[in-house]
Amino acid sequence: MLEEEIVARRSFWRRQRQKEEEVTQVEHKLALTLITDVDSVTVKSVSKALEEIDSGSTVLAEAGKREVQRRGAAEHEYSSVLPPEVIAVLTDCDARECEMEEGHIAAHVKFADAVRKFFNKLQQEEKKFKEKMEQISGKSAEEFSR
């Protein structure tokens, strides 16, 4: 039973790490683009990257919840077979592990929110700039026509 539990936990963490790596790569690519090549950034590319980050974060959170449920059911099953000391050792760090995983997922969500705020601010500034340019070009056209 303990070997099966170890296999289940390892496979969960292998899948989690793989998905976390995918989300982190999307974040890294987006951050590099925003830092080094802002001129080529489009609303569509940023929206797509943010959607990928959001969906990845959601998948990570859902997988974490399923793992907590699986562990709870397994713990209930083990309690009828294994001594309490063994179960205590097995579940000793589960709460801390869950807390750390939630913090990691929150960091992905926070990154996406920060990018949204930054990009919205850029869009507002660009809109103001275009309006100002239209005002200036409108005045220049009036003065030229006189």
C-alpha atoms as a PDB file:
ATOM      1  CA  MET A   1       0.000   0.000   0.000  1.00  0.00           C
ATOM      2  CA  LEU A   2       2.797   2.402   0.875  1.00  0.00           C
ATOM      3  CA  GLU A   3       4.600   1.641  -2.374  1.00  0.00           C
ATOM      4  CA  GLU A   4       1.428   2.423  -4.309  1.00  0.00           C
ATOM      5  CA  GLU A   5       1.086   5.688  -2.397  1.00  0.00           C
ATOM      6  CA  ILE A   6       4.672   6.640  -3.208  1.00  0.00           C
ATOM      7  CA  VAL A   7       4.114   5.843  -6.896  1.00  0.00           C
ATOM      8  CA  ALA A   8       0.906   7.910  -6.911  1.00  0.00           C
ATOM      9  CA  ARG A   9       2.621  10.894  -5.262  1.00  0.00           C
ATOM     10  CA  ARG A  10       5.612  10.733  -7.600  1.00  0.00           C
ATOM     11  CA  SER A  11       3.425  10.596 -10.688  1.00  0.00           C
ATOM     12  CA  PHE A  12       1.361  13.524  -9.393  1.00  0.00           C
ATOM     13  CA  TRP A  13       4.466  15.635  -8.850  1.00  0.00           C
ATOM     14  CA  ARG A  14       5.941  14.631 -12.201  1.00  0.00           C
ATOM     15  CA  ARG A  15       2.768  15.825 -13.948  1.00  0.00           C
ATOM     16  CA  GLN A  16       2.641  18.976 -11.798  1.00  0.00           C
ATOM     17  CA  ARG A  17       6.252  19.870 -12.539  1.00  0.00           C
ATOM     18  CA  GLN A  18       5.717  19.326 -16.252  1.00  0.00           C
ATOM     19  CA  LYS A  19       2.669  21.617 -16.318  1.00  0.00           C
ATOM     20  CA  GLU A  20       4.438  24.207 -14.124  1.00  0.00           C
ATOM     21  CA  GLU A  21       7.352  24.192 -16.564  1.00  0.00           C
ATOM     22  CA  GLU A  22       4.982  24.818 -19.474  1.00  0.00           C
ATOM     23  CA  VAL A  23       3.328  27.746 -17.686  1.00  0.00           C
ATOM     24  CA  THR A  24       6.704  29.159 -16.646  1.00  0.00           C
ATOM     25  CA  GLN A  25       7.969  29.005 -20.228  1.00  0.00           C
ATOM     26  CA  VAL A  26       4.944  30.963 -21.455  1.00  0.00           C
ATOM     27  CA  GLU A  27       5.520  33.542 -18.703  1.00  0.00           C
ATOM     28  CA  HIS A  28       9.211  33.799 -19.548  1.00  0.00           C
ATOM     29  CA  LYS A  29       8.557  34.246 -23.259  1.00  0.00           C
ATOM     30  CA  LEU A  30       5.926  36.914 -22.575  1.00  0.00           C
ATOM     31  CA  ALA A  31       8.172  38.776 -20.131  1.00  0.00           C
ATOM     32  CA  LEU A  32      11.093  38.757 -22.575  1.00  0.00           C
ATOM     33  CA  THR A  33       8.878  40.022 -25.361  1.00  0.00           C
ATOM     34  CA  LEU A  34       7.526  42.829 -23.189  1.00  0.00           C
ATOM     35  CA  ILE A  35      11.004  43.795 -22.003  1.00  0.00           C
ATOM     36  CA  THR A  36      13.027  43.520 -25.200  1.00  0.00           C
ATOM     37  CA  ASP A  37      10.571  43.929 -28.065  1.00  0.00           C
ATOM     38  CA  VAL A  38       7.584  46.008 -26.943  1.00  0.00           C
ATOM     39  CA  ASP A  39       7.101  47.376 -30.473  1.00  0.00           C
ATOM     40  CA  SER A  40       6.125  43.964 -31.823  1.00  0.00           C
ATOM     41  CA  VAL A  41       3.664  43.200 -29.015  1.00  0.00           C
ATOM     42  CA  THR A  42       0.051  42.909 -30.085  1.00  0.00           C
ATOM     43  CA  VAL A  43      -3.126  42.691 -28.079  1.00  0.00           C
ATOM     44  CA  LYS A  44      -3.737  39.265 -29.592  1.00  0.00           C
ATOM     45  CA  SER A  45      -0.324  37.872 -28.599  1.00  0.00           C
ATOM     46  CA  VAL A  46      -0.581  39.158 -25.033  1.00  0.00           C
ATOM     47  CA  SER A  47      -4.161  37.926 -24.690  1.00  0.00           C
ATOM     48  CA  LYS A  48      -3.172  34.498 -25.984  1.00  0.00           C
ATOM     49  CA  ALA A  49      -0.243  34.241 -23.567  1.00  0.00           C
ATOM     50  CA  LEU A  50      -2.384  35.387 -20.631  1.00  0.00           C
ATOM     51  CA  GLU A  51      -5.065  32.842 -21.538  1.00  0.00           C
ATOM     52  CA  GLU A  52      -2.415  30.096 -21.593  1.00  0.00           C
ATOM     53  CA  ILE A  53      -1.129  31.209 -18.179  1.00  0.00           C
ATOM     54  CA  ASP A  54      -4.650  31.367 -16.752  1.00  0.00           C
ATOM     55  CA  SER A  55      -5.616  27.959 -18.107  1.00  0.00           C
ATOM     56  CA  GLY A  56      -2.328  26.458 -16.912  1.00  0.00           C
ATOM     57  CA  SER A  57      -2.858  27.907 -13.446  1.00  0.00           C
ATOM     58  CA  THR A  58      -6.381  26.536 -13.392  1.00  0.00           C
ATOM     59  CA  VAL A  59      -5.165  23.080 -14.428  1.00  0.00           C
ATOM     60  CA  LEU A  60      -2.511  23.172 -11.704  1.00  0.00           C
ATOM     61  CA  ALA A  61      -5.041  24.222  -9.067  1.00  0.00           C
ATOM     62  CA  GLU A  62      -7.566  21.576 -10.106  1.00  0.00           C
ATOM     63  CA  ALA A  63      -4.892  18.861 -10.104  1.00  0.00           C
ATOM     64  CA  GLY A  64      -3.825  19.963  -6.637  1.00  0.00           C
ATOM     65  CA  LYS A  65      -7.405  19.734  -5.373  1.00  0.00           C
ATOM     66  CA  ARG A  66      -7.826  16.275  -6.881  1.00  0.00           C
ATOM     67  CA  GLU A  67      -4.584  15.156  -5.231  1.00  0.00           C
ATOM     68  CA  VAL A  68      -5.761  16.442  -1.841  1.00  0.00           C
ATOM     69  CA  GLN A  69      -8.996  14.488  -2.287  1.00  0.00           C
ATOM     70  CA  ARG A  70      -7.102  11.371  -3.375  1.00  0.00           C
ATOM     71  CA  ARG A  71      -4.784  11.608  -0.391  1.00  0.00           C
ATOM     72  CA  GLY A  72      -7.710  12.088   1.979  1.00  0.00           C
ATOM     73  CA  ALA A  73      -9.411   8.985   0.643  1.00  0.00           C
ATOM     74  CA  ALA A  74      -6.141   7.037   0.767  1.00  0.00           C
ATOM     75  CA  GLU A  75      -5.500   8.183   4.343  1.00  0.00           C
ATOM     76  CA  HIS A  76      -8.962   6.986   5.350  1.00  0.00           C
ATOM     77  CA  GLU A  77      -8.255   3.627   3.733  1.00  0.00           C
ATOM     78  CA  TYR A  78      -4.815   3.362   5.340  1.00  0.00           C
ATOM     79  CA  SER A  79      -6.150   4.180   8.788  1.00  0.00           C
ATOM     80  CA  SER A  80      -7.953   0.852   8.880  1.00  0.00           C
ATOM     81  CA  VAL A  81      -4.797  -1.101   7.996  1.00  0.00           C
ATOM     82  CA  LEU A  82      -1.733   0.828   9.152  1.00  0.00           C
ATOM     83  CA  PRO A  83      -0.767   1.965  12.633  1.00  0.00           C
ATOM     84  CA  PRO A  84      -1.391   5.663  13.435  1.00  0.00           C
ATOM     85  CA  GLU A  85       2.364   6.355  13.710  1.00  0.00           C
ATOM     86  CA  VAL A  86       2.918   5.277  10.082  1.00  0.00           C
ATOM     87  CA  ILE A  87       0.011   7.391   8.881  1.00  0.00           C
ATOM     88  CA  ALA A  88       1.369  10.353  10.848  1.00  0.00           C
ATOM     89  CA  VAL A  89       4.733  10.018   9.097  1.00  0.00           C
ATOM     90  CA  LEU A  90       3.056   9.596   5.704  1.00  0.00           C
ATOM     91  CA  THR A  91       0.865  12.686   6.077  1.00  0.00           C
ATOM     92  CA  ASP A  92       3.268  14.811   8.112  1.00  0.00           C
ATOM     93  CA  CYS A  93       4.041  17.360   5.395  1.00  0.00           C
ATOM     94  CA  ASP A  94       0.836  17.170   3.358  1.00  0.00           C
ATOM     95  CA  ALA A  95      -0.547  20.455   4.699  1.00  0.00           C
ATOM     96  CA  ARG A  96       2.729  22.312   4.133  1.00  0.00           C
ATOM     97  CA  GLU A  97       3.064  20.797   0.667  1.00  0.00           C
ATOM     98  CA  CYS A  98      -0.459  21.916  -0.222  1.00  0.00           C
ATOM     99  CA  GLU A  99       0.242  25.413   1.120  1.00  0.00           C
ATOM    100  CA  MET A 100       3.413  25.703  -0.938  1.00  0.00           C
ATOM    101  CA  GLU A 101       1.646  24.488  -4.083  1.00  0.00           C
ATOM    102  CA  GLU A 102      -1.136  27.052  -3.589  1.00  0.00           C
ATOM    103  CA  GLY A 103       1.501  29.765  -3.163  1.00  0.00           C
ATOM    104  CA  HIS A 104       3.194  28.702  -6.366  1.00  0.00           C
ATOM    105  CA  ILE A 105      -0.081  28.809  -8.277  1.00  0.00           C
ATOM    106  CA  ALA A 106      -0.855  32.206  -6.751  1.00  0.00           C
ATOM    107  CA  ALA A 107       2.469  33.465  -8.108  1.00  0.00           C
ATOM    108  CA  HIS A 108       1.392  32.489 -11.642  1.00  0.00           C
ATOM    109  CA  VAL A 109      -1.930  34.277 -11.171  1.00  0.00           C
ATOM    110  CA  LYS A 110      -0.184  37.342  -9.749  1.00  0.00           C
ATOM    111  CA  PHE A 111       2.199  37.445 -12.723  1.00  0.00           C
ATOM    112  CA  ALA A 112      -0.724  37.331 -15.166  1.00  0.00           C
ATOM    113  CA  ASP A 113      -2.524  40.099 -13.263  1.00  0.00           C
ATOM    114  CA  ALA A 114       0.599  42.282 -13.251  1.00  0.00           C
ATOM    115  CA  VAL A 115       1.020  41.826 -17.003  1.00  0.00           C
ATOM    116  CA  ARG A 116      -2.644  42.677 -17.557  1.00  0.00           C
ATOM    117  CA  LYS A 117      -2.309  45.879 -15.554  1.00  0.00           C
ATOM    118  CA  PHE A 118       0.931  46.806 -17.336  1.00  0.00           C
ATOM    119  CA  PHE A 119      -0.499  46.107 -20.779  1.00  0.00           C
ATOM    120  CA  ASN A 120      -3.737  47.969 -20.041  1.00  0.00           C
ATOM    121  CA  LYS A 121      -1.672  50.946 -18.923  1.00  0.00           C
ATOM    122  CA  LEU A 122       0.340  50.793 -22.147  1.00  0.00           C
ATOM    123  CA  GLN A 123      -2.863  50.685 -24.175  1.00  0.00           C
ATOM    124  CA  GLN A 124      -4.263  53.711 -22.349  1.00  0.00           C
ATOM    125  CA  GLU A 125      -1.061  55.672 -22.886  1.00  0.00           C
ATOM    126  CA  GLU A 126      -1.029  54.732 -26.567  1.00  0.00           C
ATOM    127  CA  LYS A 127      -4.655  55.839 -26.899  1.00  0.00           C
ATOM    128  CA  LYS A 128      -3.854  59.199 -25.254  1.00  0.00           C
ATOM    129  CA  PHE A 129      -0.831  59.600 -27.519  1.00  0.00           C
ATOM    130  CA  LYS A 130      -2.897  58.924 -30.649  1.00  0.00           C
ATOM    131  CA  GLU A 131      -5.590  61.365 -29.524  1.00  0.00           C
ATOM    132  CA  LYS A 132      -2.950  64.015 -28.886  1.00  0.00           C
ATOM    133  CA  MET A 133      -1.397  63.384 -32.301  1.00  0.00           C
ATOM    134  CA  GLU A 134      -4.805  63.709 -33.949  1.00  0.00           C
ATOM    135  CA  GLN A 135      -5.361  67.001 -32.152  1.00  0.00           C
ATOM    136  CA  ILE A 136      -1.954  68.278 -33.228  1.00  0.00           C
ATOM    137  CA  SER A 137      -2.368  67.130 -36.819  1.00  0.00           C
ATOM    138  CA  GLY A 138      -5.877  68.645 -36.906  1.00  0.00           C
ATOM    139  CA  LYS A 139      -4.507  72.026 -35.755  1.00  0.00           C
ATOM    140  CA  SER A 140      -1.654  71.809 -38.255  1.00  0.00           C
ATOM    141  CA  ALA A 141      -4.076  71.110 -41.095  1.00  0.00           C
ATOM    142  CA  GLU A 142      -6.221  74.122 -40.078  1.00  0.00           C
ATOM    143  CA  GLU A 143      -3.192  76.416 -39.942  1.00  0.00           C
ATOM    144  CA  PHE A 144      -1.942  75.114 -43.284  1.00  0.00           C
ATOM    145  CA  SER A 145      -5.305  75.690 -44.986  1.00  0.00           C
ATOM    146  CA  ARG A 146      -5.375  79.332 -43.883  1.00  0.00           C
END
